[in-house]
Amino acid sequence: MKTNHVESMEELVFKNRNKLYGAYILRRKYNKWLVISLLFGLFMIFSAVSYPLIAAYLNTNNLIRIGPTESSYDPIRITRDEPPPPPPPPPADPSIPQRVAFVAPIVVDKDIESDMLTQGELSGQPATPAPTEVIEIVPVDNTKNVIEQAVKPAEPWISVEEMPQFPGGDDGLFRFLSQNIKYPQEARDAGVSGRVFVYFVVEPDGSVSSLSVKRGIGAGCDEEALRVVGMMPRWSPGKQAGVPVRVQFTLPVKFTLQ
């Protein structure tokens, strides 16, 4: 009787393929290694559980009972030499009289002499004459110094929280300069051009003061720059912590030949 051969899953998958490929061998040996791993795991679990029981059983059988033993040596007693007691004090000599060490103070009433005069003696003394020297008091006039300190302006600030602003801003300033500056004829004839740096201070009320030329080009341009800067309208004053203060500026005024 002929039996039908049932092909396994591995044979069906790797049919007509190279069975020397590693995956085929792994699938064929999978069940074998699974059983071995399961047995090994059970063995490890059994060993971990049984080891404490076996160790406890062995320790109970190998206990050594130690009883009290008799000692044959004699203890050595150490003696310490005690110092001899001090000798008793000698008896008191009856021929020497006993004296008391403390003597009580004796209080004696005695009048104390004093150079201080009584009230009756003071009333009979002549009155002390008043000094006849005239003391002249000269008043000191510090009004001038106080006025000078009050009038003296504070030093101008270089930079503040709110810087001064020309009416109309920078565009308004450049427009004002271009409309009011007249090129000096001397500078035209000499062909002089450049920038004049004018220093000035914007006061708390917005006016301009302390004008001076820091760097000029001459030929009448310095004087013209000072003239035009002095004509500027009031600025919006600079403020520090909300208080108007003096702020210094250095403004370049440009002279260009057309």
C-alpha atoms as a PDB file:
ATOM      1  CA  MET A   1       0.000   0.000   0.000  1.00  0.00           C
ATOM      2  CA  LYS A   2       1.458   3.333  -1.019  1.00  0.00           C
ATOM      3  CA  THR A   3       1.254   6.160   1.501  1.00  0.00           C
ATOM      4  CA  ASN A   4       0.979   9.769   0.465  1.00  0.00           C
ATOM      5  CA  HIS A   5       3.920  11.942   1.539  1.00  0.00           C
ATOM      6  CA  VAL A   6       2.806  15.181   3.166  1.00  0.00           C
ATOM      7  CA  GLU A   7       5.286  17.917   2.561  1.00  0.00           C
ATOM      8  CA  SER A   8       6.159  20.165   5.456  1.00  0.00           C
ATOM      9  CA  MET A   9       5.856  23.915   5.393  1.00  0.00           C
ATOM     10  CA  GLU A  10       9.629  24.316   4.948  1.00  0.00           C
ATOM     11  CA  GLU A  11       9.614  22.022   1.906  1.00  0.00           C
ATOM     12  CA  LEU A  12       6.731  23.886   0.358  1.00  0.00           C
ATOM     13  CA  VAL A  13       8.409  27.260   0.896  1.00  0.00           C
ATOM     14  CA  PHE A  14      11.832  26.189  -0.333  1.00  0.00           C
ATOM     15  CA  LYS A  15      10.637  23.874  -3.097  1.00  0.00           C
ATOM     16  CA  ASN A  16      12.793  24.178  -6.227  1.00  0.00           C
ATOM     17  CA  ARG A  17      15.119  26.517  -4.283  1.00  0.00           C
ATOM     18  CA  ASN A  18      18.585  26.299  -2.828  1.00  0.00           C
ATOM     19  CA  LYS A  19      18.078  24.520   0.485  1.00  0.00           C
ATOM     20  CA  LEU A  20      21.616  25.249   1.566  1.00  0.00           C
ATOM     21  CA  TYR A  21      20.438  28.777   2.236  1.00  0.00           C
ATOM     22  CA  GLY A  22      20.631  29.665   5.947  1.00  0.00           C
ATOM     23  CA  ALA A  23      16.930  30.368   6.364  1.00  0.00           C
ATOM     24  CA  TYR A  24      15.948  26.825   5.393  1.00  0.00           C
ATOM     25  CA  ILE A  25      18.355  25.309   7.944  1.00  0.00           C
ATOM     26  CA  LEU A  26      17.104  27.634  10.670  1.00  0.00           C
ATOM     27  CA  ARG A  27      13.475  26.724  10.006  1.00  0.00           C
ATOM     28  CA  ARG A  28      14.263  22.987  10.022  1.00  0.00           C
ATOM     29  CA  LYS A  29      16.108  23.189  13.348  1.00  0.00           C
ATOM     30  CA  TYR A  30      13.673  25.637  14.930  1.00  0.00           C
ATOM     31  CA  ASN A  31      11.645  22.990  16.835  1.00  0.00           C
ATOM     32  CA  LYS A  32      14.768  21.262  18.068  1.00  0.00           C
ATOM     33  CA  TRP A  33      16.292  24.451  19.471  1.00  0.00           C
ATOM     34  CA  LEU A  34      12.944  25.457  20.936  1.00  0.00           C
ATOM     35  CA  VAL A  35      12.761  22.234  22.960  1.00  0.00           C
ATOM     36  CA  ILE A  36      16.380  22.584  24.093  1.00  0.00           C
ATOM     37  CA  SER A  37      15.793  26.196  25.186  1.00  0.00           C
ATOM     38  CA  LEU A  38      12.654  25.235  27.077  1.00  0.00           C
ATOM     39  CA  LEU A  39      14.444  22.426  28.918  1.00  0.00           C
ATOM     40  CA  PHE A  40      17.378  24.657  29.741  1.00  0.00           C
ATOM     41  CA  GLY A  41      15.038  27.357  31.085  1.00  0.00           C
ATOM     42  CA  LEU A  42      13.205  24.844  33.271  1.00  0.00           C
ATOM     43  CA  PHE A  43      16.531  23.587  34.581  1.00  0.00           C
ATOM     44  CA  MET A  44      17.647  27.085  35.509  1.00  0.00           C
ATOM     45  CA  ILE A  45      14.352  27.796  37.274  1.00  0.00           C
ATOM     46  CA  PHE A  46      14.560  24.517  39.181  1.00  0.00           C
ATOM     47  CA  SER A  47      18.148  25.247  40.197  1.00  0.00           C
ATOM     48  CA  ALA A  48      17.298  28.741  41.425  1.00  0.00           C
ATOM     49  CA  VAL A  49      14.405  27.417  43.528  1.00  0.00           C
ATOM     50  CA  SER A  50      16.113  24.304  44.937  1.00  0.00           C
ATOM     51  CA  TYR A  51      19.507  25.866  45.751  1.00  0.00           C
ATOM     52  CA  PRO A  52      18.399  27.688  48.936  1.00  0.00           C
ATOM     53  CA  LEU A  53      16.616  24.540  50.175  1.00  0.00           C
ATOM     54  CA  ILE A  54      19.641  22.322  49.583  1.00  0.00           C
ATOM     55  CA  ALA A  55      21.994  24.854  51.174  1.00  0.00           C
ATOM     56  CA  ALA A  56      19.771  25.137  54.262  1.00  0.00           C
ATOM     57  CA  TYR A  57      19.601  21.352  54.582  1.00  0.00           C
ATOM     58  CA  LEU A  58      23.382  20.985  54.360  1.00  0.00           C
ATOM     59  CA  ASN A  59      23.998  23.751  56.900  1.00  0.00           C
ATOM     60  CA  THR A  60      21.664  22.167  59.466  1.00  0.00           C
ATOM     61  CA  ASN A  61      23.561  18.840  59.275  1.00  0.00           C
ATOM     62  CA  ASN A  62      27.023  20.388  59.501  1.00  0.00           C
ATOM     63  CA  LEU A  63      26.417  22.593  62.548  1.00  0.00           C
ATOM     64  CA  ILE A  64      29.166  22.330  65.184  1.00  0.00           C
ATOM     65  CA  ARG A  65      27.929  22.800  68.704  1.00  0.00           C
ATOM     66  CA  ILE A  66      30.460  24.587  70.856  1.00  0.00           C
ATOM     67  CA  GLY A  67      29.961  24.108  74.581  1.00  0.00           C
ATOM     68  CA  PRO A  68      31.583  25.816  77.502  1.00  0.00           C
ATOM     69  CA  THR A  69      35.209  24.809  78.085  1.00  0.00           C
ATOM     70  CA  GLU A  70      37.188  24.796  81.265  1.00  0.00           C
ATOM     71  CA  SER A  71      40.262  26.999  81.519  1.00  0.00           C
ATOM     72  CA  SER A  72      43.387  25.693  83.241  1.00  0.00           C
ATOM     73  CA  TYR A  73      45.179  29.004  83.724  1.00  0.00           C
ATOM     74  CA  ASP A  74      45.166  31.028  86.883  1.00  0.00           C
ATOM     75  CA  PRO A  75      44.287  34.694  86.612  1.00  0.00           C
ATOM     76  CA  ILE A  76      47.121  37.072  87.384  1.00  0.00           C
ATOM     77  CA  ARG A  77      46.214  39.633  89.957  1.00  0.00           C
ATOM     78  CA  ILE A  78      47.807  43.019  89.487  1.00  0.00           C
ATOM     79  CA  THR A  79      48.439  44.968  92.663  1.00  0.00           C
ATOM     80  CA  ARG A  80      48.888  48.724  92.648  1.00  0.00           C
ATOM     81  CA  ASP A  81      51.077  50.513  95.176  1.00  0.00           C
ATOM     82  CA  GLU A  82      48.904  53.040  96.994  1.00  0.00           C
ATOM     83  CA  PRO A  83      50.619  56.221  98.259  1.00  0.00           C
ATOM     84  CA  PRO A  84      50.930  56.444 102.050  1.00  0.00           C
ATOM     85  CA  PRO A  85      48.398  58.698 103.797  1.00  0.00           C
ATOM     86  CA  PRO A  86      49.610  62.186 104.800  1.00  0.00           C
ATOM     87  CA  PRO A  87      50.828  62.600 108.365  1.00  0.00           C
ATOM     88  CA  PRO A  88      48.412  64.222 110.846  1.00  0.00           C
ATOM     89  CA  PRO A  89      48.979  67.912 111.660  1.00  0.00           C
ATOM     90  CA  PRO A  90      51.056  68.628 114.766  1.00  0.00           C
ATOM     91  CA  PRO A  91      49.112  69.554 117.892  1.00  0.00           C
ATOM     92  CA  ALA A  92      48.740  73.237 118.751  1.00  0.00           C
ATOM     93  CA  ASP A  93      51.201  74.721 121.192  1.00  0.00           C
ATOM     94  CA  PRO A  94      49.251  75.863 124.269  1.00  0.00           C
ATOM     95  CA  SER A  95      51.903  78.484 125.086  1.00  0.00           C
ATOM     96  CA  ILE A  96      51.134  80.532 121.929  1.00  0.00           C
ATOM     97  CA  PRO A  97      48.080  82.763 122.437  1.00  0.00           C
ATOM     98  CA  GLN A  98      45.364  82.523 119.812  1.00  0.00           C
ATOM     99  CA  ARG A  99      44.643  85.746 117.841  1.00  0.00           C
ATOM    100  CA  VAL A 100      41.693  86.802 115.754  1.00  0.00           C
ATOM    101  CA  ALA A 101      42.670  87.520 112.158  1.00  0.00           C
ATOM    102  CA  PHE A 102      39.761  89.907 111.415  1.00  0.00           C
ATOM    103  CA  VAL A 103      39.580  93.269 113.140  1.00  0.00           C
ATOM    104  CA  ALA A 104      36.272  95.169 112.909  1.00  0.00           C
ATOM    105  CA  PRO A 105      36.515  98.800 111.733  1.00  0.00           C
ATOM    106  CA  ILE A 106      35.907 101.623 114.204  1.00  0.00           C
ATOM    107  CA  VAL A 107      33.546 104.413 113.108  1.00  0.00           C
ATOM    108  CA  VAL A 108      34.556 107.905 114.342  1.00  0.00           C
ATOM    109  CA  ASP A 109      32.533 111.092 113.825  1.00  0.00           C
ATOM    110  CA  LYS A 110      34.729 113.916 112.476  1.00  0.00           C
ATOM    111  CA  ASP A 111      33.967 117.317 110.977  1.00  0.00           C
ATOM    112  CA  ILE A 112      35.079 117.720 107.357  1.00  0.00           C
ATOM    113  CA  GLU A 113      36.536 121.079 106.465  1.00  0.00           C
ATOM    114  CA  SER A 114      35.307 122.584 103.188  1.00  0.00           C
ATOM    115  CA  ASP A 115      36.165 125.751 101.271  1.00  0.00           C
ATOM    116  CA  MET A 116      32.602 126.072  99.916  1.00  0.00           C
ATOM    117  CA  LEU A 117      30.641 129.115 101.137  1.00  0.00           C
ATOM    118  CA  THR A 118      27.185 128.832 102.606  1.00  0.00           C
ATOM    119  CA  GLN A 119      24.130 130.675 101.294  1.00  0.00           C
ATOM    120  CA  GLY A 120      24.421 133.303 104.028  1.00  0.00           C
ATOM    121  CA  GLU A 121      28.070 133.970 103.216  1.00  0.00           C
ATOM    122  CA  LEU A 122      27.262 134.246  99.548  1.00  0.00           C
ATOM    123  CA  SER A 123      24.558 136.866 100.173  1.00  0.00           C
ATOM    124  CA  GLY A 124      27.052 139.134 101.915  1.00  0.00           C
ATOM    125  CA  GLN A 125      29.606 139.046  99.082  1.00  0.00           C
ATOM    126  CA  PRO A 126      29.664 142.000  96.652  1.00  0.00           C
ATOM    127  CA  ALA A 127      28.281 141.333  93.197  1.00  0.00           C
ATOM    128  CA  THR A 128      30.789 140.506  90.453  1.00  0.00           C
ATOM    129  CA  PRO A 129      31.100 143.464  88.109  1.00  0.00           C
ATOM    130  CA  ALA A 130      29.977 142.902  84.499  1.00  0.00           C
ATOM    131  CA  PRO A 131      32.675 143.008  81.792  1.00  0.00           C
ATOM    132  CA  THR A 132      33.108 146.427  80.234  1.00  0.00           C
ATOM    133  CA  GLU A 133      34.729 145.177  76.999  1.00  0.00           C
ATOM    134  CA  VAL A 134      32.590 145.852  73.929  1.00  0.00           C
ATOM    135  CA  ILE A 135      32.318 142.909  71.517  1.00  0.00           C
ATOM    136  CA  GLU A 136      31.768 144.057  67.942  1.00  0.00           C
ATOM    137  CA  ILE A 137      29.726 141.743  65.680  1.00  0.00           C
ATOM    138  CA  VAL A 138      30.509 142.185  61.984  1.00  0.00           C
ATOM    139  CA  PRO A 139      27.911 140.644  59.641  1.00  0.00           C
ATOM    140  CA  VAL A 140      29.249 138.582  56.733  1.00  0.00           C
ATOM    141  CA  ASP A 141      27.521 139.116  53.422  1.00  0.00           C
ATOM    142  CA  ASN A 142      27.319 135.784  51.586  1.00  0.00           C
ATOM    143  CA  THR A 143      24.559 136.962  49.281  1.00  0.00           C
ATOM    144  CA  LYS A 144      26.971 137.443  46.400  1.00  0.00           C
ATOM    145  CA  ASN A 145      28.283 133.866  46.578  1.00  0.00           C
ATOM    146  CA  VAL A 146      24.763 132.454  46.866  1.00  0.00           C
ATOM    147  CA  ILE A 147      23.589 134.482  43.874  1.00  0.00           C
ATOM    148  CA  GLU A 148      26.614 133.439  41.811  1.00  0.00           C
ATOM    149  CA  GLN A 149      26.004 129.763  42.605  1.00  0.00           C
ATOM    150  CA  ALA A 150      22.310 130.090  41.719  1.00  0.00           C
ATOM    151  CA  VAL A 151      22.997 131.961  38.465  1.00  0.00           C
ATOM    152  CA  LYS A 152      25.804 129.664  37.298  1.00  0.00           C
ATOM    153  CA  PRO A 153      24.267 127.224  34.798  1.00  0.00           C
ATOM    154  CA  ALA A 154      24.718 123.498  35.114  1.00  0.00           C
ATOM    155  CA  GLU A 155      27.115 121.632  32.876  1.00  0.00           C
ATOM    156  CA  PRO A 156      25.423 120.518  29.622  1.00  0.00           C
ATOM    157  CA  TRP A 157      24.638 116.847  29.040  1.00  0.00           C
ATOM    158  CA  ILE A 158      26.170 114.937  26.144  1.00  0.00           C
ATOM    159  CA  SER A 159      23.393 112.348  25.885  1.00  0.00           C
ATOM    160  CA  VAL A 160      19.989 112.208  27.596  1.00  0.00           C
ATOM    161  CA  GLU A 161      16.917 109.999  27.530  1.00  0.00           C
ATOM    162  CA  GLU A 162      15.013 112.398  25.238  1.00  0.00           C
ATOM    163  CA  MET A 163      17.355 114.271  22.895  1.00  0.00           C
ATOM    164  CA  PRO A 164      16.438 117.785  21.705  1.00  0.00           C
ATOM    165  CA  GLN A 165      14.588 118.011  18.392  1.00  0.00           C
ATOM    166  CA  PHE A 166      14.567 120.787  15.797  1.00  0.00           C
ATOM    167  CA  PRO A 167      11.070 121.811  14.651  1.00  0.00           C
ATOM    168  CA  GLY A 168      10.326 119.451  11.780  1.00  0.00           C
ATOM    169  CA  GLY A 169      13.090 116.993  12.693  1.00  0.00           C
ATOM    170  CA  ASP A 170      16.282 116.484  10.690  1.00  0.00           C
ATOM    171  CA  ASP A 171      14.537 117.331   7.414  1.00  0.00           C
ATOM    172  CA  GLY A 172      13.373 120.632   8.846  1.00  0.00           C
ATOM    173  CA  LEU A 173      16.919 121.400  10.075  1.00  0.00           C
ATOM    174  CA  PHE A 174      18.530 120.741   6.676  1.00  0.00           C
ATOM    175  CA  ARG A 175      15.799 122.768   4.970  1.00  0.00           C
ATOM    176  CA  PHE A 176      16.409 125.686   7.354  1.00  0.00           C
ATOM    177  CA  LEU A 177      20.179 125.640   6.739  1.00  0.00           C
ATOM    178  CA  SER A 178      19.849 125.448   2.945  1.00  0.00           C
ATOM    179  CA  GLN A 179      17.347 128.338   2.869  1.00  0.00           C
ATOM    180  CA  ASN A 180      19.344 130.700   5.132  1.00  0.00           C
ATOM    181  CA  ILE A 181      23.023 130.058   4.330  1.00  0.00           C
ATOM    182  CA  LYS A 182      24.576 132.525   1.901  1.00  0.00           C
ATOM    183  CA  TYR A 183      27.818 131.351   0.363  1.00  0.00           C
ATOM    184  CA  PRO A 184      30.507 133.969   1.188  1.00  0.00           C
ATOM    185  CA  GLN A 185      31.925 135.730  -1.880  1.00  0.00           C
ATOM    186  CA  GLU A 186      35.438 135.342  -0.522  1.00  0.00           C
ATOM    187  CA  ALA A 187      34.981 131.555  -0.376  1.00  0.00           C
ATOM    188  CA  ARG A 188      33.556 131.564  -3.930  1.00  0.00           C
ATOM    189  CA  ASP A 189      36.517 133.494  -5.274  1.00  0.00           C
ATOM    190  CA  ALA A 190      39.019 131.225  -3.474  1.00  0.00           C
ATOM    191  CA  GLY A 191      37.127 128.018  -4.357  1.00  0.00           C
ATOM    192  CA  VAL A 192      36.794 127.034  -0.690  1.00  0.00           C
ATOM    193  CA  SER A 193      34.293 124.316   0.208  1.00  0.00           C
ATOM    194  CA  GLY A 194      33.874 121.839   3.051  1.00  0.00           C
ATOM    195  CA  ARG A 195      32.202 121.480   6.421  1.00  0.00           C
ATOM    196  CA  VAL A 196      32.186 123.827   9.401  1.00  0.00           C
ATOM    197  CA  PHE A 197      31.517 122.094  12.734  1.00  0.00           C
ATOM    198  CA  VAL A 198      29.557 124.421  15.027  1.00  0.00           C
ATOM    199  CA  TYR A 199      29.230 123.690  18.750  1.00  0.00           C
ATOM    200  CA  PHE A 200      26.161 124.956  20.645  1.00  0.00           C
ATOM    201  CA  VAL A 201      23.977 124.160  23.674  1.00  0.00           C
ATOM    202  CA  VAL A 202      20.209 123.680  23.616  1.00  0.00           C
ATOM    203  CA  GLU A 203      18.892 125.256  26.835  1.00  0.00           C
ATOM    204  CA  PRO A 204      15.956 123.857  28.876  1.00  0.00           C
ATOM    205  CA  ASP A 205      13.682 126.456  27.220  1.00  0.00           C
ATOM    206  CA  GLY A 206      14.767 125.312  23.731  1.00  0.00           C
ATOM    207  CA  SER A 207      16.950 128.335  22.914  1.00  0.00           C
ATOM    208  CA  VAL A 208      20.476 128.005  21.474  1.00  0.00           C
ATOM    209  CA  SER A 209      23.512 129.355  23.354  1.00  0.00           C
ATOM    210  CA  SER A 210      27.298 129.002  23.742  1.00  0.00           C
ATOM    211  CA  LEU A 211      27.971 128.987  19.978  1.00  0.00           C
ATOM    212  CA  SER A 212      31.537 128.307  18.840  1.00  0.00           C
ATOM    213  CA  VAL A 213      33.369 126.814  15.865  1.00  0.00           C
ATOM    214  CA  LYS A 214      35.074 123.532  16.663  1.00  0.00           C
ATOM    215  CA  ARG A 215      36.611 123.114  13.203  1.00  0.00           C
ATOM    216  CA  GLY A 216      36.275 125.547  10.345  1.00  0.00           C
ATOM    217  CA  ILE A 217      37.412 126.119   6.776  1.00  0.00           C
ATOM    218  CA  GLY A 218      37.879 129.920   6.838  1.00  0.00           C
ATOM    219  CA  ALA A 219      37.162 132.368   3.992  1.00  0.00           C
ATOM    220  CA  GLY A 220      34.079 133.672   5.833  1.00  0.00           C
ATOM    221  CA  CYS A 221      32.374 130.275   6.046  1.00  0.00           C
ATOM    222  CA  ASP A 222      32.904 129.987   9.825  1.00  0.00           C
ATOM    223  CA  GLU A 223      31.176 133.321  10.506  1.00  0.00           C
ATOM    224  CA  GLU A 224      28.296 132.463   8.169  1.00  0.00           C
ATOM    225  CA  ALA A 225      27.732 129.119   9.899  1.00  0.00           C
ATOM    226  CA  LEU A 226      27.643 130.827  13.319  1.00  0.00           C
ATOM    227  CA  ARG A 227      25.187 133.431  12.002  1.00  0.00           C
ATOM    228  CA  VAL A 228      22.746 130.879  10.634  1.00  0.00           C
ATOM    229  CA  VAL A 229      22.930 128.589  13.706  1.00  0.00           C
ATOM    230  CA  GLY A 230      22.248 131.601  15.937  1.00  0.00           C
ATOM    231  CA  MET A 231      19.086 132.322  13.887  1.00  0.00           C
ATOM    232  CA  MET A 232      17.580 128.860  14.569  1.00  0.00           C
ATOM    233  CA  PRO A 233      14.154 128.824  16.244  1.00  0.00           C
ATOM    234  CA  ARG A 234      13.598 127.192  19.618  1.00  0.00           C
ATOM    235  CA  TRP A 235      14.153 123.470  19.766  1.00  0.00           C
ATOM    236  CA  SER A 236      12.163 120.928  21.729  1.00  0.00           C
ATOM    237  CA  PRO A 237      14.415 120.697  24.826  1.00  0.00           C
ATOM    238  CA  GLY A 238      16.126 117.506  25.902  1.00  0.00           C
ATOM    239  CA  LYS A 239      14.825 115.715  28.992  1.00  0.00           C
ATOM    240  CA  GLN A 240      16.439 113.507  31.606  1.00  0.00           C
ATOM    241  CA  ALA A 241      13.988 111.644  33.879  1.00  0.00           C
ATOM    242  CA  GLY A 242      11.251 113.900  32.484  1.00  0.00           C
ATOM    243  CA  VAL A 243      13.054 117.146  33.467  1.00  0.00           C
ATOM    244  CA  PRO A 244      14.318 119.589  30.761  1.00  0.00           C
ATOM    245  CA  VAL A 245      18.128 119.923  30.865  1.00  0.00           C
ATOM    246  CA  ARG A 246      20.938 121.550  28.905  1.00  0.00           C
ATOM    247  CA  VAL A 247      22.270 119.383  26.068  1.00  0.00           C
ATOM    248  CA  GLN A 248      25.321 120.104  23.886  1.00  0.00           C
ATOM    249  CA  PHE A 249      25.418 119.599  20.118  1.00  0.00           C
ATOM    250  CA  THR A 250      28.037 119.697  17.347  1.00  0.00           C
ATOM    251  CA  LEU A 251      26.377 120.459  14.000  1.00  0.00           C
ATOM    252  CA  PRO A 252      28.233 120.077  10.655  1.00  0.00           C
ATOM    253  CA  VAL A 253      27.309 122.869   8.201  1.00  0.00           C
ATOM    254  CA  LYS A 254      28.289 121.925   4.629  1.00  0.00           C
ATOM    255  CA  PHE A 255      29.439 124.508   2.061  1.00  0.00           C
ATOM    256  CA  THR A 256      29.428 123.233  -1.536  1.00  0.00           C
ATOM    257  CA  LEU A 257      30.167 125.249  -4.687  1.00  0.00           C
ATOM    258  CA  GLN A 258      27.531 124.822  -7.389  1.00  0.00           C
END
